[in-house]
Amino acid sequence: MSSGPATADALSAGPAPAPRAVVADAQRVVVKVGSSLVTNDGKGLDAGAIAQWGRQIAALRAAGKQVAMVSSGAIAEGMKRLGWARRPREIHELQAAAAVGQMGMAQVYESCFRDSGLATALVLLTHEDLADRRRYLNARSTLLTLLRLGVVPIINENDTVVTDEIKVGDNDTLASLVTNLIDGDALVILTDQAGLYTADPRRDPSARLLPQVSAGDPALEAMAGGAGSAIGKGGMITKVLAARRAAGSGAHTVVASGREPGVLERLAQGEAIGTCFVALTPRLASRKQWLADHLQLRGALTLDAGAAHALSHAGKSLLPIGVTEVSGEFERGEVVACRDPEGREIARGLINYSSSETRLIMRRASSEIEAILGFSEEPELIHRDNLILR
């Protein structure tokens, strides 16, 4: 399973940034804690451990960072509350345990984090929430609003309603999807392993910890053991794949041991701990490329000269008052073109309102949206973060 010294040395060299800079420089961080770090050997949630995570996240918040947390533990907590000694196999029983356990998660996290001065919110997601554009944007707006308000979202898969068809699968994957969803700068996956080794350290005494690698390098999956090995089943392989997924939107990932004292605070202070998976594409550039190359246009907006100039030269968002014509039929979250008065495409982006809604609010001020539609999703038709110039 070892990759050999040459390959390991090449991987550990890695590109910039230095491992110690990833979390220290990040403004928005997603932290995933494994079930072994928040439960009593799977027997319900460990309030003491969760309080410790609350203190560390409070330190990150005090340093000016926005933090979202992905946590396991709902089913384990539900089993404890129901008096079940063994994990059930029937899906309806697992869902019942999750429903009971989610009440416990909300209570424990709210209480423990409040002691550190943190407000929390429980957010339950399924893959379907992230695959559907409208629901994706709704989830994104909710999470970004919570972060802006200083609230720490505690995120878990919604095991109460999840089925194989809409299941994310594991919380490493969920954490990477959340990182992409909220444009996170860094993903920290905390586990019971020190990081990625050149081989399974439990079997190979010569295995070396890799301090830095390039996310997405195919050699990493072999080092993690592959899907069929003991270490790969719910272990390091899911973390390697999560790091690759997060890197798709330009986020760096750190995989480290959650048993390290003060690990989050030390990472935020610049200490190199665990393995840093470096994304090769800058976050903004990768998002722009995704908008430019991978989505089909569903419609078009014609802008007046002032709005066209604001988009092209001032880096502004598109407001409804600057739109003179709407072409095509589209839903919220779909990609539309922005054209200048002469009909030239000058930008494209993800729109916050459907075509019928846009026709009602075009040429009107953002302050009038709620009065016209009866609700207001966003003040912008297209936010500048979801827009690319052509």
Protein backbone atom coordinates (compact mmCIF):
# COMPACT_ATOMS: atom_id res chain seq x y z
CA MET A 1 0.00 0.00 0.00
CA SER A 2 3.02 2.28 0.30
CA SER A 3 3.59 4.57 -2.65
CA GLY A 4 7.36 4.62 -2.37
CA PRO A 5 9.68 7.39 -1.19
CA ALA A 6 9.79 9.32 -4.46
CA THR A 7 6.04 9.70 -4.77
CA ALA A 8 5.63 10.53 -1.10
CA ASP A 9 8.32 13.21 -1.24
CA ALA A 10 6.73 14.79 -4.30
CA LEU A 11 3.33 14.84 -2.66
CA SER A 12 4.57 16.22 0.64
CA ALA A 13 6.34 19.04 -1.15
CA GLY A 14 3.02 20.34 -2.50
CA PRO A 15 2.27 23.84 -3.73
CA ALA A 16 1.80 27.02 -1.73
CA PRO A 17 0.30 28.04 0.69
CA ALA A 18 2.20 26.65 3.66
CA PRO A 19 0.11 24.31 5.85
CA ARG A 20 0.14 26.72 8.76
CA ALA A 21 -1.43 29.49 6.64
CA VAL A 22 -4.59 27.67 5.56
CA VAL A 23 -6.77 28.07 8.66
CA ALA A 24 -4.93 31.13 9.96
CA ASP A 25 -5.71 33.06 6.77
CA ALA A 26 -9.26 31.74 6.30
CA GLN A 27 -12.23 34.00 6.97
CA ARG A 28 -14.92 31.32 6.63
CA VAL A 29 -14.21 27.84 8.01
CA VAL A 30 -16.21 24.60 8.01
CA VAL A 31 -15.29 22.25 10.87
CA LYS A 32 -16.34 18.60 10.72
CA VAL A 33 -16.02 16.51 13.89
CA GLY A 34 -16.28 12.74 13.71
CA SER A 35 -18.72 10.78 15.83
CA SER A 36 -15.93 9.47 18.06
CA LEU A 37 -15.16 13.06 19.08
CA VAL A 38 -18.70 14.02 20.17
CA THR A 39 -20.16 10.78 21.56
CA ASN A 40 -19.38 8.47 24.48
CA ASP A 41 -18.13 5.54 22.39
CA GLY A 42 -21.30 5.82 20.34
CA LYS A 43 -23.50 5.82 23.46
CA GLY A 44 -25.09 9.21 23.14
CA LEU A 45 -23.63 12.70 22.90
CA ASP A 46 -20.74 13.70 25.16
CA ALA A 47 -21.67 17.11 26.60
CA GLY A 48 -18.17 17.65 27.96
CA ALA A 49 -16.56 17.08 24.58
CA ILE A 50 -19.10 19.32 22.83
CA ALA A 51 -18.48 22.07 25.40
CA GLN A 52 -14.77 21.81 24.58
CA TRP A 53 -15.50 22.26 20.88
CA GLY A 54 -17.67 25.24 21.77
CA ARG A 55 -14.76 26.89 23.57
CA GLN A 56 -12.45 26.36 20.59
CA ILE A 57 -14.96 27.63 18.07
CA ALA A 58 -15.55 30.67 20.28
CA ALA A 59 -11.81 31.37 19.99
CA LEU A 60 -12.07 31.22 16.20
CA ARG A 61 -15.06 33.55 16.29
CA ALA A 62 -13.11 35.94 18.52
CA ALA A 63 -10.39 35.94 15.86
CA GLY A 64 -12.94 37.23 13.34
CA LYS A 65 -13.68 33.96 11.56
CA GLN A 66 -17.11 32.69 10.54
CA VAL A 67 -17.51 29.03 11.49
CA ALA A 68 -19.99 26.34 10.46
CA MET A 69 -19.83 22.92 12.10
CA VAL A 70 -20.79 19.54 10.64
CA SER A 71 -21.46 17.03 13.41
CA SER A 72 -22.49 13.41 13.73
CA GLY A 73 -24.30 11.91 16.70
CA ALA A 74 -28.07 12.14 16.15
CA ILE A 75 -28.69 8.40 15.79
CA ALA A 76 -26.38 7.55 18.71
CA GLU A 77 -28.18 10.06 20.90
CA GLY A 78 -31.58 8.75 19.78
CA MET A 79 -30.57 5.17 20.60
CA LYS A 80 -29.55 6.23 24.11
CA ARG A 81 -32.82 8.06 24.70
CA LEU A 82 -34.83 5.11 23.40
CA GLY A 83 -32.87 2.63 25.49
CA TRP A 84 -31.58 0.69 22.47
CA ALA A 85 -28.29 -1.16 23.01
CA ARG A 86 -27.79 -2.09 19.36
CA ARG A 87 -28.00 0.02 16.24
CA PRO A 88 -31.15 -0.98 14.31
CA ARG A 89 -31.03 -2.14 10.71
CA GLU A 90 -34.52 -1.19 9.59
CA ILE A 91 -34.60 2.21 7.90
CA HIS A 92 -37.75 3.34 9.72
CA GLU A 93 -36.15 2.55 13.09
CA LEU A 94 -32.98 4.44 12.13
CA GLN A 95 -35.12 7.38 11.09
CA ALA A 96 -37.02 7.25 14.37
CA ALA A 97 -33.76 7.22 16.31
CA ALA A 98 -32.53 10.18 14.27
CA ALA A 99 -35.73 12.12 14.97
CA VAL A 100 -35.35 11.60 18.72
CA GLY A 101 -31.61 12.25 18.58
CA GLN A 102 -31.95 15.49 16.67
CA MET A 103 -33.88 16.90 19.63
CA GLY A 104 -30.96 15.93 21.81
CA MET A 105 -28.40 17.43 19.45
CA ALA A 106 -30.22 20.75 19.45
CA GLN A 107 -30.42 20.77 23.25
CA VAL A 108 -26.81 19.75 23.93
CA TYR A 109 -25.22 22.05 21.35
CA GLU A 110 -27.40 24.99 22.35
CA SER A 111 -26.54 24.57 26.03
CA CYS A 112 -22.83 23.82 25.65
CA PHE A 113 -22.12 26.52 23.06
CA ARG A 114 -24.17 29.11 24.96
CA ASP A 115 -21.73 28.69 27.87
CA SER A 116 -19.03 29.98 25.48
CA GLY A 117 -21.19 32.91 24.37
CA LEU A 118 -22.20 31.34 21.06
CA ALA A 119 -25.63 31.22 19.45
CA THR A 120 -26.35 28.06 17.45
CA ALA A 121 -28.82 26.80 14.86
CA LEU A 122 -29.49 23.18 13.83
CA VAL A 123 -29.57 22.80 10.03
CA LEU A 124 -30.56 19.44 8.52
CA LEU A 125 -29.76 18.78 4.86
CA THR A 126 -30.18 16.04 2.27
CA HIS A 127 -28.47 15.60 -1.07
CA GLU A 128 -31.69 16.71 -2.72
CA ASP A 129 -31.38 20.08 -0.96
CA LEU A 130 -28.02 20.57 -2.66
CA ALA A 131 -28.93 19.14 -6.08
CA ASP A 132 -32.01 21.27 -6.72
CA ARG A 133 -31.02 24.85 -7.64
CA ARG A 134 -33.87 26.53 -5.82
CA ARG A 135 -33.33 24.56 -2.63
CA TYR A 136 -29.56 25.01 -3.00
CA LEU A 137 -29.94 28.78 -3.07
CA ASN A 138 -32.39 28.71 -0.17
CA ALA A 139 -29.95 26.66 1.93
CA ARG A 140 -27.07 28.92 0.92
CA SER A 141 -29.00 32.08 1.81
CA THR A 142 -30.00 30.67 5.20
CA LEU A 143 -26.49 29.59 6.12
CA LEU A 144 -24.87 32.84 4.98
CA THR A 145 -27.44 34.82 6.94
CA LEU A 146 -26.75 32.78 10.07
CA LEU A 147 -23.00 33.34 9.68
CA ARG A 148 -23.51 37.05 9.11
CA LEU A 149 -25.56 37.20 12.32
CA GLY A 150 -22.76 35.53 14.28
CA VAL A 151 -24.64 32.25 14.69
CA VAL A 152 -22.79 28.92 14.44
CA PRO A 153 -24.78 26.51 12.21
CA ILE A 154 -24.62 22.90 13.45
CA ILE A 155 -25.19 20.88 10.29
CA ASN A 156 -26.11 17.23 9.93
CA GLU A 157 -27.70 15.02 7.32
CA ASN A 158 -31.46 14.80 7.81
CA ASP A 159 -31.54 11.10 8.68
CA THR A 160 -35.18 11.43 9.72
CA VAL A 161 -36.35 11.55 6.09
CA VAL A 162 -33.29 10.44 4.14
CA THR A 163 -33.42 7.47 1.76
CA ASP A 164 -30.74 5.93 -0.43
CA GLU A 165 -31.91 8.08 -3.34
CA ILE A 166 -31.33 11.37 -1.48
CA LYS A 167 -28.59 10.34 0.94
CA VAL A 168 -25.31 12.24 1.00
CA GLY A 169 -23.69 9.17 2.53
CA ASP A 170 -21.23 10.40 5.15
CA ASN A 171 -20.44 13.60 6.98
CA ASP A 172 -17.04 14.04 5.33
CA THR A 173 -18.87 14.37 2.02
CA LEU A 174 -21.52 16.57 3.60
CA ALA A 175 -18.83 18.86 5.02
CA SER A 176 -17.22 19.30 1.59
CA LEU A 177 -20.60 20.08 0.02
CA VAL A 178 -21.31 22.65 2.73
CA THR A 179 -17.88 24.19 2.15
CA ASN A 180 -18.74 24.65 -1.52
CA LEU A 181 -22.26 25.83 -0.66
CA ILE A 182 -21.09 28.73 1.53
CA ASP A 183 -17.85 29.53 -0.35
CA GLY A 184 -15.72 28.39 2.56
CA ASP A 185 -12.02 29.20 2.53
CA ALA A 186 -11.01 26.15 4.54
CA LEU A 187 -12.43 22.79 5.58
CA VAL A 188 -11.11 21.19 8.77
CA ILE A 189 -11.90 17.48 9.17
CA LEU A 190 -11.16 16.28 12.70
CA THR A 191 -10.90 12.56 13.25
CA ASP A 192 -9.12 9.95 15.39
CA GLN A 193 -6.19 9.79 12.96
CA ALA A 194 -3.28 12.22 12.80
CA GLY A 195 -3.64 12.82 9.06
CA LEU A 196 -2.78 11.12 5.78
CA TYR A 197 0.15 8.69 5.86
CA THR A 198 2.11 7.16 3.00
CA ALA A 199 0.61 3.81 4.08
CA ASP A 200 -1.60 2.42 6.84
CA PRO A 201 0.46 3.20 9.99
CA ARG A 202 -1.30 0.40 11.86
CA ARG A 203 0.24 -2.12 9.47
CA ASP A 204 3.38 -0.45 8.16
CA PRO A 205 5.78 0.96 10.78
CA SER A 206 7.65 2.86 8.05
CA ALA A 207 4.55 4.90 7.12
CA ARG A 208 5.15 8.66 7.26
CA LEU A 209 2.68 11.44 7.92
CA LEU A 210 2.37 13.79 4.92
CA PRO A 211 2.19 17.41 6.10
CA GLN A 212 1.03 18.75 2.71
CA VAL A 213 -0.37 17.28 -0.50
CA SER A 214 -2.15 18.47 -3.61
CA ALA A 215 -5.88 17.83 -3.31
CA GLY A 216 -7.11 15.69 -6.19
CA ASP A 217 -3.84 13.83 -6.77
CA PRO A 218 -4.95 10.29 -7.74
CA ALA A 219 -2.09 8.76 -5.73
CA LEU A 220 -3.76 9.91 -2.52
CA GLU A 221 -6.62 7.43 -2.82
CA ALA A 222 -4.16 4.52 -2.89
CA MET A 223 -2.43 5.92 0.19
CA ALA A 224 -5.79 6.18 1.95
CA GLY A 225 -6.34 2.49 1.37
CA GLY A 226 -8.95 2.51 -1.37
CA ALA A 227 -12.61 1.80 -0.91
CA GLY A 228 -12.16 -1.87 -0.09
CA SER A 229 -9.60 -1.74 2.71
CA ALA A 230 -10.11 -1.63 6.45
CA ILE A 231 -8.78 1.90 6.72
CA GLY A 232 -10.88 2.99 3.76
CA LYS A 233 -14.28 1.97 5.09
CA GLY A 234 -15.65 5.18 6.51
CA GLY A 235 -12.07 6.21 7.19
CA MET A 236 -9.35 8.18 5.43
CA ILE A 237 -10.62 7.52 1.90
CA THR A 238 -13.78 9.57 2.50
CA LYS A 239 -11.62 12.43 3.77
CA VAL A 240 -9.37 12.33 0.72
CA LEU A 241 -12.43 12.42 -1.55
CA ALA A 242 -13.96 15.23 0.52
CA ALA A 243 -10.77 17.28 0.19
CA ARG A 244 -10.84 16.77 -3.58
CA ARG A 245 -14.46 17.90 -3.71
CA ALA A 246 -13.80 20.99 -1.59
CA ALA A 247 -10.84 21.85 -3.79
CA GLY A 248 -13.23 22.03 -6.75
CA SER A 249 -14.43 25.36 -5.39
CA GLY A 250 -10.96 26.45 -4.31
CA ALA A 251 -11.13 25.55 -0.60
CA HIS A 252 -8.14 24.03 1.20
CA THR A 253 -8.65 21.12 3.61
CA VAL A 254 -6.85 20.12 6.79
CA VAL A 255 -7.29 16.58 8.15
CA ALA A 256 -6.05 16.32 11.72
CA SER A 257 -6.57 14.48 14.97
CA GLY A 258 -9.36 15.84 17.13
CA ARG A 259 -7.49 14.44 20.13
CA GLU A 260 -4.80 17.10 19.78
CA PRO A 261 -5.29 19.59 22.64
CA GLY A 262 -6.69 22.90 21.36
CA VAL A 263 -6.35 21.76 17.76
CA LEU A 264 -8.66 24.40 16.25
CA GLU A 265 -7.05 27.26 18.17
CA ARG A 266 -3.58 26.07 17.24
CA LEU A 267 -4.51 25.77 13.56
CA ALA A 268 -5.97 29.28 13.67
CA GLN A 269 -2.73 30.53 15.22
CA GLY A 270 -0.74 29.13 12.31
CA GLU A 271 0.52 25.82 13.68
CA ALA A 272 0.92 23.04 11.13
CA ILE A 273 -1.05 20.02 12.35
CA GLY A 274 -2.14 16.97 10.39
CA THR A 275 -2.24 16.97 6.59
CA CYS A 276 -3.06 20.00 4.48
CA PHE A 277 -4.78 19.26 1.15
CA VAL A 278 -4.07 22.28 -1.03
CA ALA A 279 -6.55 23.38 -3.68
CA LEU A 280 -4.76 24.32 -6.88
CA THR A 281 -7.45 26.69 -8.19
CA PRO A 282 -8.22 29.93 -6.34
CA ARG A 283 -11.77 29.98 -4.96
CA LEU A 284 -12.99 32.95 -6.98
CA ALA A 285 -11.41 31.71 -10.19
CA SER A 286 -12.92 28.23 -9.85
CA ARG A 287 -16.39 29.67 -9.19
CA LYS A 288 -16.10 31.94 -12.22
CA GLN A 289 -15.00 29.01 -14.38
CA TRP A 290 -17.98 26.97 -13.15
CA LEU A 291 -20.38 29.74 -14.10
CA ALA A 292 -18.70 30.36 -17.44
CA ASP A 293 -18.30 26.83 -18.72
CA HIS A 294 -20.58 24.34 -17.00
CA LEU A 295 -24.11 25.73 -16.96
CA GLN A 296 -26.59 26.28 -19.76
CA LEU A 297 -28.28 29.63 -20.14
CA ARG A 298 -32.02 29.63 -19.40
CA GLY A 299 -32.82 33.19 -20.38
CA ALA A 300 -31.49 36.71 -20.78
CA LEU A 301 -31.85 40.15 -19.24
CA THR A 302 -31.39 43.35 -21.22
CA LEU A 303 -29.87 46.14 -19.12
CA ASP A 304 -29.90 49.90 -19.43
CA ALA A 305 -26.62 51.71 -19.99
CA GLY A 306 -26.14 52.52 -16.30
CA ALA A 307 -26.59 48.95 -15.13
CA ALA A 308 -24.35 47.63 -17.91
CA HIS A 309 -21.60 50.02 -16.84
CA ALA A 310 -22.04 49.12 -13.16
CA LEU A 311 -21.56 45.43 -13.94
CA SER A 312 -18.73 45.82 -16.43
CA HIS A 313 -16.65 48.53 -14.79
CA ALA A 314 -17.70 48.99 -11.15
CA GLY A 315 -17.97 45.39 -9.92
CA LYS A 316 -21.57 45.88 -8.81
CA SER A 317 -24.44 43.43 -8.38
CA LEU A 318 -27.39 43.59 -10.77
CA LEU A 319 -30.43 45.31 -9.29
CA PRO A 320 -33.96 45.04 -10.77
CA ILE A 321 -34.11 48.75 -11.55
CA GLY A 322 -31.44 48.31 -14.23
CA VAL A 323 -33.33 45.68 -16.28
CA THR A 324 -35.36 46.78 -19.30
CA GLU A 325 -36.37 43.42 -20.81
CA VAL A 326 -36.63 39.75 -19.80
CA SER A 327 -36.25 36.95 -22.36
CA GLY A 328 -36.96 33.26 -21.84
CA GLU A 329 -38.49 31.32 -18.97
CA PHE A 330 -36.38 30.44 -15.95
CA GLU A 331 -36.60 29.64 -12.26
CA ARG A 332 -34.70 31.02 -9.30
CA GLY A 333 -31.15 29.68 -9.26
CA GLU A 334 -30.82 29.18 -13.01
CA VAL A 335 -28.18 30.88 -15.15
CA VAL A 336 -29.14 33.82 -17.35
CA ALA A 337 -27.23 36.15 -19.65
CA CYS A 338 -26.94 39.90 -19.06
CA ARG A 339 -26.94 41.97 -22.23
CA ASP A 340 -26.13 45.62 -22.82
CA PRO A 341 -28.59 47.92 -24.67
CA GLU A 342 -27.05 46.81 -28.00
CA GLY A 343 -27.75 43.13 -27.25
CA ARG A 344 -24.17 42.06 -26.48
CA GLU A 345 -23.72 39.57 -23.62
CA ILE A 346 -21.59 41.28 -21.00
CA ALA A 347 -22.11 38.87 -18.08
CA ARG A 348 -23.95 35.80 -16.88
CA GLY A 349 -24.94 34.62 -13.45
CA LEU A 350 -27.30 32.83 -11.05
CA ILE A 351 -30.55 34.74 -10.74
CA ASN A 352 -32.44 35.15 -7.48
CA TYR A 353 -35.94 35.40 -8.99
CA SER A 354 -37.94 33.53 -11.63
CA SER A 355 -38.66 35.05 -15.04
CA SER A 356 -42.25 35.90 -14.09
CA GLU A 357 -41.10 37.54 -10.85
CA THR A 358 -38.33 39.42 -12.64
CA ARG A 359 -40.81 40.86 -15.13
CA LEU A 360 -42.87 42.21 -12.24
CA ILE A 361 -39.96 43.90 -10.43
CA MET A 362 -37.80 45.10 -13.33
CA ARG A 363 -37.35 48.88 -13.49
CA ARG A 364 -38.31 49.03 -9.79
CA ALA A 365 -36.19 49.76 -6.73
CA SER A 366 -35.08 46.87 -4.52
CA SER A 367 -37.04 48.38 -1.64
CA GLU A 368 -40.25 47.73 -3.60
CA ILE A 369 -39.71 43.99 -4.16
CA GLU A 370 -41.60 42.81 -1.08
CA ALA A 371 -44.56 45.08 -1.79
CA ILE A 372 -44.79 43.82 -5.38
CA LEU A 373 -44.17 40.09 -4.84
CA GLY A 374 -45.28 39.68 -1.25
CA PHE A 375 -41.78 38.47 -0.29
CA SER A 376 -38.15 39.36 -0.87
CA GLU A 377 -35.51 36.68 -1.47
CA GLU A 378 -32.61 39.09 -2.01
CA PRO A 379 -32.27 42.80 -2.89
CA GLU A 380 -30.28 41.88 -6.01
CA LEU A 381 -31.41 40.06 -9.11
CA ILE A 382 -27.88 38.66 -9.42
CA HIS A 383 -25.29 39.10 -6.67
CA ARG A 384 -21.80 39.97 -7.88
CA ASP A 385 -20.44 36.79 -6.20
CA ASN A 386 -22.69 34.76 -8.53
CA LEU A 387 -21.83 36.71 -11.68
CA ILE A 388 -19.05 36.49 -14.25
CA LEU A 389 -18.15 39.07 -16.89
CA ARG A 390 -17.86 37.92 -20.48
